[in-house]
């Protein structure tokens, strides 16, 4: 199994650039209505424009809170580099740097341009420098 989450966004191209900078990934499709984000050969995430292609759950922004109860969680090999990329984007942080006792890893929690919660988590046992 390979999870490939899809989120609805206001501006696919802007969100694509944001996630590419944050995650160090590339665009695999491109365009104003749909994007596939790739990390090497791995397809990791999809971005879809609100209202495009008549998909009922993606029809109207504002019908429900954006992403309520959903966290876009990415475990990263190099947490320090990921945190540096995140800080460069100047997002609204929920928690800029924390240590998760349960996961035994460092994490940063932030909002993406559409208000989705994104978590970057280091590898278990990586306490940093």
N, C-alpha and C. Protein backbone atom coordinates (compact mmCIF):
# COMPACT_ATOMS: atom_id res chain seq x y z
N UNK A 1 0.83 -1.17 0.00
CA UNK A 1 0.00 0.00 0.00
C UNK A 1 0.88 1.25 0.00
N UNK A 2 0.45 2.24 -0.73
CA UNK A 2 1.15 3.53 -0.78
C UNK A 2 0.13 4.65 -0.62
N UNK A 3 0.01 5.20 0.57
CA UNK A 3 -0.93 6.31 0.75
C UNK A 3 -0.56 7.49 -0.16
N UNK A 4 -1.57 8.11 -0.74
CA UNK A 4 -1.38 9.26 -1.62
C UNK A 4 -2.48 10.27 -1.30
N UNK A 5 -2.37 10.96 -0.16
CA UNK A 5 -3.44 11.87 0.23
C UNK A 5 -3.70 12.94 -0.82
N UNK A 6 -4.95 13.32 -0.93
CA UNK A 6 -5.37 14.39 -1.83
C UNK A 6 -6.03 15.45 -0.98
N UNK A 7 -5.62 16.71 -1.16
CA UNK A 7 -6.28 17.81 -0.48
C UNK A 7 -6.78 18.81 -1.52
N UNK A 8 -7.90 19.45 -1.22
CA UNK A 8 -8.43 20.50 -2.07
C UNK A 8 -7.81 21.82 -1.63
N UNK A 9 -7.37 22.61 -2.61
CA UNK A 9 -6.69 23.87 -2.33
C UNK A 9 -7.26 24.98 -3.22
N UNK A 10 -7.04 26.22 -2.81
CA UNK A 10 -7.52 27.37 -3.58
C UNK A 10 -6.69 27.63 -4.82
N UNK A 11 -5.37 27.44 -4.72
CA UNK A 11 -4.46 27.73 -5.83
C UNK A 11 -3.47 26.57 -5.93
N UNK A 12 -3.73 25.66 -6.84
CA UNK A 12 -2.91 24.44 -6.98
C UNK A 12 -1.45 24.78 -7.24
N UNK A 13 -1.19 25.71 -8.14
CA UNK A 13 0.20 26.01 -8.49
C UNK A 13 0.94 26.65 -7.32
N UNK A 14 0.29 27.54 -6.58
CA UNK A 14 0.92 28.15 -5.40
C UNK A 14 1.17 27.09 -4.32
N UNK A 15 0.19 26.24 -4.07
CA UNK A 15 0.35 25.19 -3.07
C UNK A 15 1.43 24.20 -3.48
N UNK A 16 1.51 23.91 -4.78
CA UNK A 16 2.55 23.01 -5.27
C UNK A 16 3.93 23.58 -4.99
N UNK A 17 4.12 24.85 -5.29
CA UNK A 17 5.43 25.47 -5.02
C UNK A 17 5.73 25.43 -3.53
N UNK A 18 4.74 25.71 -2.67
CA UNK A 18 4.92 25.72 -1.22
C UNK A 18 5.34 24.33 -0.73
N UNK A 19 4.61 23.30 -1.13
CA UNK A 19 4.95 21.94 -0.68
C UNK A 19 6.29 21.47 -1.26
N UNK A 20 6.60 21.87 -2.49
CA UNK A 20 7.90 21.49 -3.05
C UNK A 20 9.03 22.08 -2.22
N UNK A 21 8.88 23.34 -1.80
CA UNK A 21 9.91 23.96 -0.96
C UNK A 21 9.95 23.31 0.41
N UNK A 22 8.80 23.04 1.00
CA UNK A 22 8.74 22.46 2.33
C UNK A 22 9.32 21.06 2.37
N UNK A 23 8.91 20.23 1.43
CA UNK A 23 9.25 18.80 1.48
C UNK A 23 10.45 18.42 0.62
N UNK A 24 10.95 19.35 -0.18
CA UNK A 24 12.07 19.02 -1.07
C UNK A 24 11.64 18.06 -2.16
N UNK A 25 10.38 18.15 -2.57
CA UNK A 25 9.85 17.25 -3.60
C UNK A 25 9.70 18.01 -4.91
N UNK A 26 9.15 17.36 -5.92
CA UNK A 26 8.94 17.99 -7.23
C UNK A 26 7.51 17.77 -7.67
N UNK A 27 7.10 18.58 -8.64
CA UNK A 27 5.79 18.41 -9.25
C UNK A 27 5.86 17.32 -10.30
N UNK A 28 4.85 16.49 -10.36
CA UNK A 28 4.85 15.39 -11.32
C UNK A 28 3.75 15.51 -12.36
N UNK A 29 2.95 16.56 -12.30
CA UNK A 29 1.84 16.72 -13.23
C UNK A 29 1.76 18.17 -13.66
N UNK A 30 1.54 19.05 -12.70
CA UNK A 30 1.47 20.48 -12.97
C UNK A 30 0.14 20.91 -13.54
N UNK A 31 -0.17 22.18 -13.33
CA UNK A 31 -1.39 22.75 -13.87
C UNK A 31 -2.23 23.41 -12.80
N UNK A 32 -3.23 24.18 -13.22
CA UNK A 32 -4.05 24.95 -12.28
C UNK A 32 -5.12 24.14 -11.54
N UNK A 33 -5.41 22.92 -12.00
CA UNK A 33 -6.49 22.15 -11.37
C UNK A 33 -6.03 20.93 -10.59
N UNK A 34 -4.84 20.40 -10.91
CA UNK A 34 -4.41 19.16 -10.28
C UNK A 34 -2.89 19.05 -10.33
N UNK A 35 -2.33 18.52 -9.26
CA UNK A 35 -0.88 18.30 -9.20
C UNK A 35 -0.59 17.03 -8.42
N UNK A 36 0.43 16.33 -8.87
CA UNK A 36 0.99 15.19 -8.13
C UNK A 36 2.35 15.61 -7.63
N UNK A 37 2.60 15.41 -6.34
CA UNK A 37 3.91 15.73 -5.79
C UNK A 37 4.71 14.45 -5.66
N UNK A 38 5.97 14.52 -6.08
CA UNK A 38 6.84 13.36 -6.15
C UNK A 38 8.08 13.58 -5.29
N UNK A 39 8.53 12.51 -4.65
CA UNK A 39 9.81 12.51 -3.97
C UNK A 39 10.61 11.40 -4.63
N UNK A 40 11.49 11.80 -5.54
CA UNK A 40 12.16 10.82 -6.38
C UNK A 40 11.11 10.19 -7.28
N UNK A 41 11.03 8.87 -7.25
CA UNK A 41 10.03 8.15 -8.04
C UNK A 41 8.75 7.89 -7.26
N UNK A 42 8.71 8.31 -6.00
CA UNK A 42 7.54 8.05 -5.15
C UNK A 42 6.52 9.17 -5.24
N UNK A 43 5.29 8.81 -5.51
CA UNK A 43 4.15 9.71 -5.58
C UNK A 43 3.66 9.88 -4.14
N UNK A 44 3.79 11.10 -3.56
CA UNK A 44 3.52 11.26 -2.13
C UNK A 44 2.25 12.02 -1.79
N UNK A 45 1.72 12.84 -2.72
CA UNK A 45 0.59 13.67 -2.35
C UNK A 45 -0.04 14.26 -3.60
N UNK A 46 -1.35 14.58 -3.49
CA UNK A 46 -2.06 15.18 -4.60
C UNK A 46 -2.70 16.50 -4.14
N UNK A 47 -2.72 17.46 -5.04
CA UNK A 47 -3.39 18.74 -4.80
C UNK A 47 -4.48 18.88 -5.86
N UNK A 48 -5.65 19.30 -5.46
CA UNK A 48 -6.79 19.41 -6.36
C UNK A 48 -7.50 20.74 -6.13
N UNK A 49 -7.83 21.43 -7.18
CA UNK A 49 -8.53 22.71 -7.05
C UNK A 49 -9.97 22.49 -6.59
N UNK A 50 -10.39 23.32 -5.64
CA UNK A 50 -11.79 23.30 -5.23
C UNK A 50 -12.66 23.51 -6.46
N UNK A 51 -13.69 22.69 -6.61
CA UNK A 51 -14.67 22.87 -7.68
C UNK A 51 -14.29 22.31 -9.03
N UNK A 52 -13.06 21.87 -9.22
CA UNK A 52 -12.67 21.33 -10.53
C UNK A 52 -13.12 19.88 -10.65
N UNK A 53 -13.54 19.50 -11.82
CA UNK A 53 -13.87 18.12 -12.18
C UNK A 53 -15.11 17.55 -11.51
N UNK A 54 -15.93 18.37 -10.89
CA UNK A 54 -17.22 17.92 -10.36
C UNK A 54 -17.16 16.78 -9.35
N UNK A 55 -16.11 16.69 -8.56
CA UNK A 55 -16.06 15.70 -7.49
C UNK A 55 -16.88 16.24 -6.32
N UNK A 56 -17.95 15.58 -5.93
CA UNK A 56 -18.83 16.14 -4.88
C UNK A 56 -18.12 16.57 -3.59
N UNK A 57 -17.17 15.80 -3.03
CA UNK A 57 -16.55 16.27 -1.79
C UNK A 57 -15.63 17.48 -1.97
N UNK A 58 -15.30 17.81 -3.21
CA UNK A 58 -14.38 18.92 -3.47
C UNK A 58 -15.10 20.09 -4.14
N UNK A 59 -16.43 20.09 -4.07
CA UNK A 59 -17.21 21.04 -4.82
C UNK A 59 -17.17 22.47 -4.30
N UNK A 60 -17.30 22.63 -3.00
CA UNK A 60 -17.43 23.99 -2.48
C UNK A 60 -16.61 24.18 -1.22
N UNK A 61 -15.66 25.07 -1.30
CA UNK A 61 -14.91 25.43 -0.10
C UNK A 61 -15.85 26.19 0.82
N UNK A 62 -15.74 25.92 2.10
CA UNK A 62 -16.56 26.63 3.06
C UNK A 62 -17.74 25.82 3.57
N UNK A 63 -18.03 24.69 2.91
CA UNK A 63 -19.14 23.85 3.37
C UNK A 63 -18.81 23.21 4.72
N UNK A 64 -17.56 22.92 4.95
CA UNK A 64 -17.08 22.38 6.23
C UNK A 64 -15.72 23.00 6.51
N UNK A 65 -15.25 22.94 7.76
CA UNK A 65 -13.92 23.49 8.04
C UNK A 65 -12.85 22.73 7.24
N UNK A 66 -11.92 23.47 6.68
CA UNK A 66 -10.86 22.86 5.87
C UNK A 66 -9.99 21.97 6.74
N UNK A 67 -9.97 20.69 6.41
CA UNK A 67 -9.08 19.75 7.06
C UNK A 67 -9.31 19.51 8.53
N UNK A 68 -10.47 19.88 9.05
CA UNK A 68 -10.72 19.70 10.48
C UNK A 68 -10.52 18.23 10.87
N UNK A 69 -9.61 17.99 11.80
CA UNK A 69 -9.36 16.63 12.27
C UNK A 69 -8.34 15.86 11.45
N UNK A 70 -7.79 16.48 10.43
CA UNK A 70 -6.81 15.80 9.57
C UNK A 70 -5.46 16.50 9.73
N UNK A 71 -4.41 15.70 9.92
CA UNK A 71 -3.05 16.22 9.94
C UNK A 71 -2.29 15.60 8.78
N UNK A 72 -1.62 16.41 8.00
CA UNK A 72 -0.76 15.91 6.93
C UNK A 72 0.61 15.69 7.56
N UNK A 73 0.94 14.43 7.80
CA UNK A 73 2.09 14.05 8.61
C UNK A 73 3.16 13.45 7.72
N UNK A 74 4.35 14.03 7.77
CA UNK A 74 5.46 13.56 6.96
C UNK A 74 6.65 13.25 7.86
N UNK A 75 7.11 12.02 7.83
CA UNK A 75 8.34 11.68 8.54
C UNK A 75 9.49 11.95 7.57
N UNK A 76 10.47 12.71 8.04
CA UNK A 76 11.56 13.14 7.16
C UNK A 76 12.89 12.56 7.64
N UNK A 77 13.77 12.27 6.70
CA UNK A 77 15.08 11.71 7.04
C UNK A 77 15.99 12.73 7.70
N UNK A 78 15.91 13.99 7.27
CA UNK A 78 16.79 15.04 7.80
C UNK A 78 15.92 16.14 8.39
N UNK A 79 15.59 16.01 9.66
CA UNK A 79 14.69 16.95 10.31
C UNK A 79 15.26 18.37 10.32
N UNK A 80 16.55 18.52 10.58
CA UNK A 80 17.14 19.85 10.62
C UNK A 80 16.96 20.59 9.30
N UNK A 81 17.20 19.92 8.19
CA UNK A 81 17.02 20.53 6.87
C UNK A 81 15.55 20.85 6.63
N UNK A 82 14.65 19.95 7.04
CA UNK A 82 13.22 20.18 6.85
C UNK A 82 12.74 21.38 7.67
N UNK A 83 13.22 21.50 8.90
CA UNK A 83 12.84 22.63 9.75
C UNK A 83 13.36 23.93 9.15
N UNK A 84 14.55 23.91 8.59
CA UNK A 84 15.11 25.10 7.94
C UNK A 84 14.25 25.51 6.75
N UNK A 85 13.82 24.53 5.94
CA UNK A 85 12.94 24.83 4.80
C UNK A 85 11.62 25.40 5.29
N UNK A 86 11.07 24.81 6.35
CA UNK A 86 9.80 25.28 6.90
C UNK A 86 9.93 26.73 7.37
N UNK A 87 10.97 27.03 8.11
CA UNK A 87 11.17 28.40 8.62
C UNK A 87 11.31 29.41 7.48
N UNK A 88 11.96 29.01 6.38
CA UNK A 88 12.15 29.90 5.24
C UNK A 88 10.82 30.30 4.60
N UNK A 89 9.80 29.46 4.73
CA UNK A 89 8.48 29.76 4.18
C UNK A 89 7.71 30.76 5.04
N UNK A 90 8.17 31.00 6.27
CA UNK A 90 7.53 31.90 7.22
C UNK A 90 6.04 31.59 7.40
N UNK A 91 5.73 30.33 7.71
CA UNK A 91 4.33 29.96 7.91
C UNK A 91 3.86 30.36 9.31
N UNK A 92 2.59 30.16 9.56
CA UNK A 92 2.08 30.27 10.93
C UNK A 92 2.36 28.91 11.57
N UNK A 93 3.22 28.92 12.58
CA UNK A 93 3.54 27.69 13.30
C UNK A 93 2.54 27.46 14.41
N UNK A 94 2.16 26.21 14.60
CA UNK A 94 1.37 25.81 15.76
C UNK A 94 2.35 25.51 16.89
N UNK A 95 3.38 24.77 16.55
CA UNK A 95 4.47 24.47 17.48
C UNK A 95 5.72 24.33 16.62
N UNK A 96 6.62 25.31 16.70
CA UNK A 96 7.76 25.34 15.79
C UNK A 96 8.74 24.20 16.02
N UNK A 97 8.94 23.82 17.25
CA UNK A 97 9.86 22.73 17.53
C UNK A 97 9.46 22.08 18.85
N UNK A 98 9.19 20.80 18.79
CA UNK A 98 8.84 20.08 20.02
C UNK A 98 9.43 18.69 19.97
N UNK A 99 9.52 18.09 21.13
CA UNK A 99 9.96 16.70 21.21
C UNK A 99 8.75 15.88 21.63
N UNK A 100 8.39 14.91 20.82
CA UNK A 100 7.26 14.03 21.08
C UNK A 100 7.77 12.82 21.85
N UNK A 101 7.43 12.76 23.13
CA UNK A 101 7.87 11.65 24.00
C UNK A 101 7.38 10.31 23.47
N UNK A 102 6.12 10.26 23.04
CA UNK A 102 5.56 8.98 22.57
C UNK A 102 6.25 8.49 21.31
N UNK A 103 6.47 9.38 20.36
CA UNK A 103 7.13 8.99 19.11
C UNK A 103 8.64 9.03 19.20
N UNK A 104 9.16 9.60 20.28
CA UNK A 104 10.61 9.77 20.47
C UNK A 104 11.25 10.44 19.26
N UNK A 105 10.63 11.56 18.87
CA UNK A 105 11.11 12.28 17.70
C UNK A 105 10.84 13.77 17.84
N UNK A 106 11.61 14.56 17.11
CA UNK A 106 11.35 16.00 17.03
C UNK A 106 10.28 16.24 15.98
N UNK A 107 9.48 17.28 16.20
CA UNK A 107 8.40 17.61 15.27
C UNK A 107 8.28 19.12 15.14
N UNK A 108 7.73 19.55 14.00
CA UNK A 108 7.27 20.92 13.83
C UNK A 108 5.87 20.85 13.24
N UNK A 109 4.98 21.65 13.80
CA UNK A 109 3.58 21.70 13.38
C UNK A 109 3.30 23.09 12.82
N UNK A 110 2.72 23.16 11.62
CA UNK A 110 2.46 24.44 10.98
C UNK A 110 1.24 24.36 10.08
N UNK A 111 0.78 25.53 9.64
CA UNK A 111 -0.33 25.59 8.69
C UNK A 111 0.19 25.81 7.28
N UNK A 112 -0.45 25.14 6.31
CA UNK A 112 -0.12 25.39 4.92
C UNK A 112 -0.93 26.61 4.45
N UNK A 113 -0.76 27.06 3.20
CA UNK A 113 -1.47 28.26 2.75
C UNK A 113 -2.99 28.16 2.79
N UNK A 114 -3.55 26.95 2.79
CA UNK A 114 -5.00 26.79 2.82
C UNK A 114 -5.54 26.50 4.21
N UNK A 115 -4.65 26.43 5.21
CA UNK A 115 -5.10 26.19 6.58
C UNK A 115 -5.04 24.76 7.03
N UNK A 116 -4.49 23.86 6.21
CA UNK A 116 -4.31 22.48 6.63
C UNK A 116 -3.13 22.42 7.61
N UNK A 117 -3.23 21.52 8.59
CA UNK A 117 -2.14 21.33 9.54
C UNK A 117 -1.15 20.34 8.94
N UNK A 118 0.12 20.75 8.90
CA UNK A 118 1.20 19.92 8.38
C UNK A 118 2.17 19.66 9.53
N UNK A 119 2.56 18.40 9.68
CA UNK A 119 3.54 18.02 10.69
C UNK A 119 4.74 17.40 9.98
N UNK A 120 5.92 17.91 10.31
CA UNK A 120 7.16 17.28 9.87
C UNK A 120 7.75 16.61 11.10
N UNK A 121 7.97 15.32 11.02
CA UNK A 121 8.49 14.55 12.15
C UNK A 121 9.82 13.94 11.77
N UNK A 122 10.78 14.04 12.69
CA UNK A 122 12.06 13.41 12.48
C UNK A 122 11.99 11.91 12.70
N UNK A 123 13.08 11.27 12.50
CA UNK A 123 13.15 9.82 12.71
C UNK A 123 13.18 9.52 14.21
N UNK A 124 12.53 8.46 14.65
CA UNK A 124 12.55 8.11 16.07
C UNK A 124 13.99 8.03 16.61
N UNK A 125 14.19 8.64 17.76
CA UNK A 125 15.50 8.62 18.40
C UNK A 125 16.41 9.76 17.99
N UNK A 126 16.05 10.55 16.96
CA UNK A 126 16.87 11.67 16.51
C UNK A 126 16.56 12.88 17.40
N UNK A 127 17.44 13.18 18.33
CA UNK A 127 17.22 14.28 19.26
C UNK A 127 17.83 15.59 18.77
N UNK A 128 18.51 15.55 17.65
CA UNK A 128 19.10 16.76 17.11
C UNK A 128 20.47 17.07 17.69
N UNK A 129 20.94 18.22 17.30
CA UNK A 129 22.28 18.64 17.69
C UNK A 129 22.24 19.44 18.96
